[in-house]
Amino acid sequence: LQHKAEKEEMDVYTNAVQNQKYDFDQKLAENAREVDSYLKVLKDEIDGLRSQLHTTIAQKVETRDFERALNDTALKTEVEKVSTTVQRVKGELSDLLFQAKNELITKTKTLETTSQERLSRIQ
């Protein structure tokens, strides 16, 4: 009778251990699925961040190229303005020099005429 009671008690313990092992295996499988799910979410988020980073870098390169082109255009515009201004000033200086030359020629002729008239009077 005692042997039978011990066997029944051992069966109860064996069943309890098997139930605990089954529960542990179920929890372990559930935890593995959860970890896999977290890893998938994490991978998806990393892929999204990578995509955003590539987009940002591409936009930054495009922005840098645009700024460089804009600066080049502004520089060309400034060079054209300076060139136009230089040409205008050059033309104005040429006109002033031409006027000064004509005035000098006129004054020289007037002076020569006046000098010759004085010489003629003196003689």
Foldseek 3Di string as FASTA:
>chain_A
DVVVVVVVVVVVVVVVVVVVVVVVVVVVVVVVVVVVVVVVVVVVVVVVVVVVVVVVVVVVVVVVVVVVVVVVVVVVVVVVVVVVVVVVVVVVVVVVVVVVVVVVVVVVVVVVVVVVVVVVVVD
